[in-house]
Protein backbone atom coordinates (compact mmCIF):
# COMPACT_ATOMS: atom_id res chain seq x y z
CA MET A 1 -1.84 -28.62 10.70
CA THR A 2 -1.39 -24.94 10.65
CA GLY A 3 -1.24 -22.78 14.47
CA PHE A 4 -1.31 -19.16 14.72
CA GLU A 5 -0.13 -16.81 16.95
CA PHE A 6 -2.15 -13.38 16.64
CA GLY A 7 -2.94 -9.70 18.12
CA SER A 8 -5.50 -7.29 16.67
CA ALA A 9 -6.08 -3.61 17.65
CA THR A 10 -9.07 -1.00 16.62
CA HIS A 11 -9.40 2.77 17.04
CA ALA A 12 -12.12 4.94 15.56
CA GLY A 13 -8.80 7.63 15.40
CA LYS A 14 -8.95 11.48 16.36
CA VAL A 15 -11.45 12.96 13.74
CA ARG A 16 -14.01 10.13 13.61
CA ARG A 17 -16.74 9.79 16.29
CA SER A 18 -17.66 6.28 15.73
CA ASN A 19 -15.52 3.06 14.32
CA GLN A 20 -16.94 1.81 11.16
CA ASP A 21 -14.24 -0.91 10.81
CA GLN A 22 -14.55 -4.21 12.11
CA LEU A 23 -12.17 -6.78 12.75
CA LEU A 24 -12.42 -10.70 12.81
CA ALA A 25 -9.48 -12.78 14.83
CA ASN A 26 -10.17 -16.28 15.75
CA ASP A 27 -8.05 -19.65 15.02
CA LEU A 28 -8.71 -20.37 11.95
CA MET A 29 -9.92 -16.93 9.76
CA PHE A 30 -8.60 -13.22 10.05
CA ALA A 31 -10.38 -10.38 8.22
CA VAL A 32 -10.67 -6.78 8.48
CA ALA A 33 -13.38 -4.52 6.67
CA ASP A 34 -13.59 -0.93 6.07
CA GLY A 35 -17.07 0.26 5.73
CA MET A 36 -17.67 3.52 3.60
CA GLY A 37 -21.47 5.32 3.96
CA GLY A 38 -23.09 7.84 5.57
CA HIS A 39 -25.79 7.71 8.50
CA MET A 40 -24.03 4.46 10.32
CA GLY A 41 -24.09 2.14 7.22
CA GLY A 42 -20.88 1.39 7.00
CA GLU A 43 -20.90 0.08 10.43
CA VAL A 44 -23.78 -2.62 9.46
CA ALA A 45 -21.94 -3.52 6.23
CA SER A 46 -18.54 -4.25 8.12
CA ALA A 47 -20.75 -5.69 10.53
CA ILE A 48 -22.31 -7.79 7.99
CA ALA A 49 -19.20 -8.90 6.66
CA VAL A 50 -17.65 -9.93 9.84
CA ASP A 51 -20.60 -11.74 11.69
CA ALA A 52 -21.12 -13.41 8.33
CA LEU A 53 -17.32 -14.95 8.32
CA ALA A 54 -17.51 -15.72 11.72
CA VAL A 55 -19.72 -18.09 11.32
CA ALA A 56 -19.07 -19.07 7.67
CA ALA A 57 -18.91 -22.91 7.44
CA THR A 58 -15.72 -24.50 6.37
CA VAL A 59 -13.39 -23.16 3.51
CA ASP A 60 -11.71 -25.52 1.50
CA THR A 61 -10.53 -23.87 -1.28
CA ILE A 62 -9.85 -20.43 -2.48
CA ASP A 63 -12.97 -20.76 -5.01
CA ASP A 64 -14.77 -21.76 -1.80
CA LEU A 65 -13.70 -18.42 -0.32
CA ILE A 66 -14.80 -16.07 -2.88
CA GLU A 67 -17.97 -17.63 -3.40
CA ARG A 68 -18.57 -16.58 0.90
CA VAL A 69 -17.35 -13.30 -0.06
CA GLU A 70 -20.23 -12.79 -3.23
CA GLU A 71 -22.86 -14.49 -0.52
CA ILE A 72 -21.99 -11.62 1.81
CA ASN A 73 -21.87 -8.86 -0.65
CA THR A 74 -25.94 -9.86 -1.81
CA GLU A 75 -26.31 -9.72 2.31
CA ILE A 76 -25.26 -6.34 2.55
CA ILE A 77 -27.26 -5.58 -0.74
CA ASN A 78 -30.48 -6.99 0.42
CA ARG A 79 -30.05 -5.47 3.88
CA GLY A 80 -29.94 -1.99 2.10
CA ARG A 81 -33.35 -2.81 0.11
CA LEU A 82 -34.66 -3.75 3.72
CA GLU A 83 -33.70 -0.58 5.42
CA PRO A 84 -33.90 2.38 2.36
CA GLU A 85 -31.70 4.61 5.14
CA LEU A 86 -28.70 1.86 4.74
CA ARG A 87 -29.34 1.84 1.01
CA GLY A 88 -25.55 1.83 -0.69
CA MET A 89 -23.69 1.42 2.22
CA GLY A 90 -20.82 -0.61 1.67
CA THR A 91 -17.33 -2.13 2.96
CA THR A 92 -14.06 -3.17 2.14
CA VAL A 93 -13.04 -6.60 2.90
CA THR A 94 -9.43 -8.36 3.22
CA ILE A 95 -9.37 -11.69 4.69
CA LEU A 96 -6.87 -14.62 5.76
CA THR A 97 -7.81 -18.05 6.52
CA ASN A 98 -6.73 -21.75 6.71
CA LEU A 99 -7.79 -23.49 4.27
CA GLN A 100 -9.21 -26.68 5.80
CA GLN A 101 -9.15 -29.85 3.74
CA SER A 102 -5.96 -29.04 1.74
CA ARG A 103 -3.12 -31.01 2.40
CA PRO A 104 -0.01 -30.31 3.09
CA ASP A 105 -1.80 -27.09 4.70
CA ARG A 106 -2.52 -24.07 2.22
CA LEU A 107 -3.59 -20.39 3.50
CA GLY A 108 -6.49 -18.59 1.29
CA ILE A 109 -6.55 -14.51 0.92
CA ALA A 110 -9.48 -13.04 -0.42
CA ASN A 111 -9.30 -9.27 -1.18
CA VAL A 112 -12.53 -6.43 -1.74
CA GLY A 113 -11.57 -2.52 -1.84
CA ASP A 114 -7.96 -1.23 -0.32
CA SER A 115 -7.54 -2.99 2.82
CA ARG A 116 -4.35 -4.67 2.18
CA LEU A 117 -2.10 -7.88 3.68
CA TYR A 118 1.12 -7.40 3.83
CA ARG A 119 3.84 -10.14 4.62
CA VAL A 120 6.88 -9.26 6.26
CA VAL A 121 9.99 -9.95 4.73
CA ASP A 122 13.51 -8.99 5.51
CA ASP A 123 14.26 -5.78 3.35
CA GLY A 124 10.55 -4.60 3.95
CA LEU A 125 6.47 -5.39 3.31
CA TYR A 126 5.43 -7.48 0.66
CA GLN A 127 1.51 -6.76 -0.01
CA HIS A 128 -0.11 -9.79 -1.51
CA THR A 129 -3.47 -7.92 -2.00
CA GLU A 130 -3.70 -5.21 -5.10
CA ASP A 131 -5.92 -2.18 -3.63
CA HIS A 132 -8.87 -0.92 -5.66
CA SER A 133 -8.65 2.25 -5.68
CA LEU A 134 -8.51 4.98 -8.40
CA VAL A 135 -4.94 5.68 -7.55
CA GLU A 136 -4.30 2.32 -8.18
CA SER A 137 -5.31 2.55 -11.19
CA LEU A 138 -3.65 5.56 -11.77
CA VAL A 139 -0.10 3.82 -11.10
CA ARG A 140 -0.97 0.46 -12.95
CA ASP A 141 -1.38 3.03 -16.41
CA GLY A 142 1.35 5.00 -15.66
CA HIS A 143 -0.22 8.20 -14.55
CA LEU A 144 1.39 8.19 -10.83
CA THR A 145 4.06 6.99 -9.23
CA ARG A 146 4.13 5.42 -5.82
CA SER A 147 5.31 8.32 -4.65
CA GLU A 148 2.57 10.62 -5.69
CA ALA A 149 0.06 7.91 -5.07
CA ALA A 150 0.83 8.07 -1.62
CA VAL A 151 -0.15 11.92 -1.04
CA HIS A 152 -2.54 12.16 -3.74
CA PRO A 153 -6.20 13.48 -2.59
CA GLN A 154 -7.65 11.13 -4.21
CA ARG A 155 -6.18 8.44 -2.71
CA ASN A 156 -9.62 7.39 -0.48
CA ILE A 157 -11.61 6.39 -3.66
CA VAL A 158 -12.37 2.83 -3.83
CA THR A 159 -13.12 0.97 -7.05
CA ARG A 160 -14.32 -2.23 -5.64
CA ALA A 161 -16.66 -2.62 -2.08
CA LEU A 162 -18.90 -5.21 -0.96
CA GLY A 163 -22.27 -4.29 -0.95
CA ILE A 164 -22.56 -1.84 -3.83
CA ASP A 165 -23.66 -3.81 -6.81
CA GLU A 166 -25.19 -7.09 -7.52
CA ARG A 167 -21.64 -8.55 -8.92
CA VAL A 168 -18.52 -7.99 -6.63
CA LEU A 169 -15.16 -8.64 -8.50
CA VAL A 170 -13.17 -10.62 -5.72
CA ASP A 171 -9.30 -11.32 -5.66
CA ALA A 172 -7.83 -14.11 -4.11
CA TRP A 173 -4.64 -16.41 -3.71
CA GLU A 174 -3.67 -19.87 -2.58
CA LEU A 175 -0.55 -19.56 -0.16
CA VAL A 176 2.35 -22.08 1.24
CA PRO A 177 2.24 -21.45 5.22
CA VAL A 178 5.69 -21.29 6.40
CA VAL A 179 6.39 -21.08 10.15
CA GLY A 180 8.22 -17.53 11.25
CA ASP A 181 6.12 -16.12 8.46
CA ARG A 182 4.34 -12.76 9.78
CA TYR A 183 1.36 -10.95 8.00
CA LEU A 184 0.00 -7.67 8.71
CA LEU A 185 -3.94 -7.26 7.66
CA CYS A 186 -4.97 -3.00 7.75
CA SER A 187 -7.18 -0.67 6.99
CA ASP A 188 -6.46 2.15 5.11
CA GLY A 189 -6.17 4.36 8.22
CA LEU A 190 -2.66 2.66 9.20
CA PHE A 191 -0.84 2.94 6.00
CA ASN A 192 -2.15 6.59 5.16
CA GLU A 193 -0.39 7.57 8.74
CA VAL A 194 2.38 5.44 9.52
CA HIS A 195 4.86 4.59 6.02
CA GLU A 196 5.53 0.90 5.35
CA ASP A 197 9.61 1.59 6.49
CA GLU A 198 8.26 2.16 10.15
CA ILE A 199 5.45 -0.39 9.87
CA HIS A 200 7.92 -2.61 9.45
CA GLU A 201 10.22 -2.18 11.84
CA ILE A 202 7.40 -2.39 14.65
CA LEU A 203 7.21 -5.30 13.09
CA THR A 204 9.97 -6.54 13.27
CA SER A 205 11.42 -5.06 16.72
CA THR A 206 7.98 -6.22 18.38
CA GLY A 207 8.22 -9.87 19.56
CA PRO A 208 4.38 -10.49 20.35
CA ALA A 209 1.54 -10.01 18.03
CA GLN A 210 -0.47 -8.36 20.49
CA GLU A 211 2.01 -5.82 21.52
CA ALA A 212 2.79 -5.13 17.41
CA ALA A 213 -1.08 -4.63 17.15
CA ASP A 214 -1.68 -2.19 19.81
CA GLU A 215 1.40 -0.60 19.00
CA LEU A 216 0.98 -0.03 14.99
CA VAL A 217 -2.16 1.43 16.31
CA GLU A 218 -0.93 3.85 18.77
CA ARG A 219 1.63 4.80 16.19
CA SER A 220 -1.62 5.60 13.21
CA VAL A 221 -3.30 7.58 16.32
CA ALA A 222 -0.58 9.71 17.10
CA THR A 223 0.85 10.65 13.84
CA GLY A 224 -2.75 12.22 13.12
CA GLY A 225 -5.43 9.29 13.28
CA ARG A 226 -7.68 10.91 10.18
CA ASP A 227 -9.04 7.88 10.08
CA ASN A 228 -10.65 4.40 11.59
CA ILE A 229 -7.66 1.98 12.11
CA THR A 230 -7.81 -1.57 12.29
CA VAL A 231 -4.76 -3.56 12.57
CA ILE A 232 -4.54 -7.81 12.90
CA VAL A 233 -0.79 -9.51 13.38
CA VAL A 234 -0.76 -12.74 12.60
CA ASP A 235 2.34 -15.25 13.19
CA ILE A 236 2.86 -18.40 11.82
CA ASN A 237 3.70 -21.13 14.19
CA ALA A 238 3.13 -24.60 12.97
CA ALA A 239 2.78 -25.54 9.31
CA ASP A 240 3.24 -29.00 7.43
CA PRO A 241 6.76 -29.37 5.96
CA VAL A 242 7.25 -28.87 2.34
CA ASP A 243 9.91 -29.96 0.44
CA GLU A 244 9.81 -26.41 -1.93
CA VAL A 245 8.83 -23.15 -0.97
CA PRO A 246 8.16 -19.83 -3.65
CA ASN A 247 9.49 -16.95 -2.85
CA ASP A 248 5.86 -15.09 -2.51
CA ARG A 249 4.30 -18.13 -1.10
CA VAL A 250 1.84 -18.28 -3.45
CA THR A 251 0.51 -21.38 -4.96
CA ALA A 252 -2.67 -20.60 -6.69
CA THR A 253 -4.63 -17.43 -8.03
CA ARG A 254 -7.83 -16.28 -8.98
CA LYS A 255 -8.06 -12.13 -10.22
CA ALA A 256 -11.53 -11.14 -11.00
CA LEU A 257 -11.40 -9.16 -14.34
CA GLU A 258 -13.52 -6.57 -15.71
CA HIS A 259 -14.73 -7.82 -18.68
CA GLY A 260 -15.08 -4.63 -20.67
CA ASP A 261 -17.80 -3.30 -17.42
CA VAL A 262 -18.11 0.71 -17.01
CA THR A 263 -17.52 1.81 -13.66
CA VAL A 264 -18.99 5.00 -12.46
CA GLU A 265 -17.79 6.42 -9.12
CA GLN A 266 -19.32 8.64 -7.06
CA PRO A 267 -18.85 10.42 -3.92
CA VAL A 268 -21.44 10.28 -0.85
CA ALA A 269 -21.63 12.73 1.83
CA ASP A 270 -19.31 11.87 4.62
CA ALA A 271 -20.45 13.45 7.59
CA PRO A 272 -22.67 10.22 9.86
CA ASP A 273 -24.74 11.13 12.53
CA GLY A 274 -23.49 15.06 12.91
CA GLU A 275 -19.41 14.31 12.53
CA PRO A 276 -17.15 16.30 11.07
CA ALA A 277 -16.53 15.80 7.52
CA ASP A 278 -12.94 13.55 6.95
CA PRO A 279 -10.62 15.42 5.12
CA GLN A 280 -9.84 12.64 3.20
CA PRO A 281 -13.27 10.64 3.22
CA ASP A 282 -13.50 6.97 1.52
CA GLU A 283 -16.72 6.82 1.36
CA MET A 284 -17.61 6.02 -1.91
CA ARG A 285 -21.01 5.29 -4.16
CA PHE A 286 -20.02 2.61 -6.90
CA ASP A 287 -22.83 2.41 -10.11
CA THR A 288 -21.22 -0.47 -12.53
CA VAL A 289 -22.88 -0.74 -15.58
CA PRO A 290 -22.68 -3.64 -18.82
CA THR A 291 -20.70 -1.96 -21.72
CA ILE A 292 -23.79 -3.44 -24.03
CA LEU A 293 -26.45 -0.75 -22.43
CA SER A 294 -24.09 2.27 -23.45
CA TRP A 295 -24.09 0.40 -27.19
CA ARG A 296 -27.77 0.46 -26.88
CA ALA A 297 -28.63 3.87 -25.44
CA MET A 298 -25.61 4.68 -28.53
CA ALA A 299 -27.98 3.21 -31.11
CA VAL A 300 -31.33 4.93 -30.01
CA VAL A 301 -29.70 7.77 -30.31
CA VAL A 302 -28.26 7.09 -33.87
CA ALA A 303 -31.50 6.00 -34.70
CA VAL A 304 -33.81 9.62 -33.65
CA VAL A 305 -31.01 11.28 -35.60
CA VAL A 306 -31.48 9.28 -38.60
CA VAL A 307 -35.04 9.78 -38.72
CA VAL A 308 -35.26 13.63 -38.06
CA ALA A 309 -32.84 14.08 -40.97
CA VAL A 310 -35.59 11.99 -43.07
CA LEU A 311 -38.34 14.03 -41.70
CA LEU A 312 -36.49 17.55 -42.68
CA MET A 313 -35.88 16.47 -45.95
CA ALA A 314 -39.59 15.86 -46.53
CA ILE A 315 -39.99 18.78 -44.92
CA PHE A 316 -37.69 20.89 -46.90
CA ALA A 317 -37.68 19.00 -50.39
């Protein structure tokens, strides 16, 4: 059975008065949720996510993990319907968990949003999750380089989150646990302040997981602390032996696809409870509109134009 040693830390940072990040760290599951939405909505959304994961039934496969994230999405939406002041709240979530009935042992990862999960490798950090963000999509499309994305003024705009739409797109992976591997789960308050090279140096030079987590948060606050910061450091200290281990540890992948849907992002005010506005807000609202609706609207417009043309021809004939 896979065994873990872990440490966690979180901080509101220097700008925000409240901490809308939430974390879960126990012997089976680790999660970071970065809430978004004014009037404390983000804090509620992220709390719903981690509380639901904490009482989750056994997760056996990554498909089970995806289903659990989808259920949490529904919980957040329903809470917003019951309390209109929370409507539009959302949260990212990144999860690392032990898959209970896998033999040999396997780890499960799930991700929605731009919180990240890294694995420490010899020459740096291997990012297992993919950011669901505006700048990441621009990088994939070749419109931005990695270095440009790191300083882009809109790097905090996320394109997926829990609680925004009935249909949530979840990415998930199954991994082989290897004794000695060190993982890092974190919100964007860490990697937007501390360069990945510096994060790698701290993770490789600091022994106990809790000391590493504390040092990462302290460094982020000292560097700027413009957002909430949350980190979990997880060390694998026991695992079933396996004959072959993929370099990336990945044995199965479930990537959500847009299937032609159109996503429209709209900023949401970032000043809950009188707080100063964050110079780089990550609170966003998303309205996902099926493409078929756009075609229907276009058909209506065409029909109206045709009717008007016929009437004009009749008038002037």
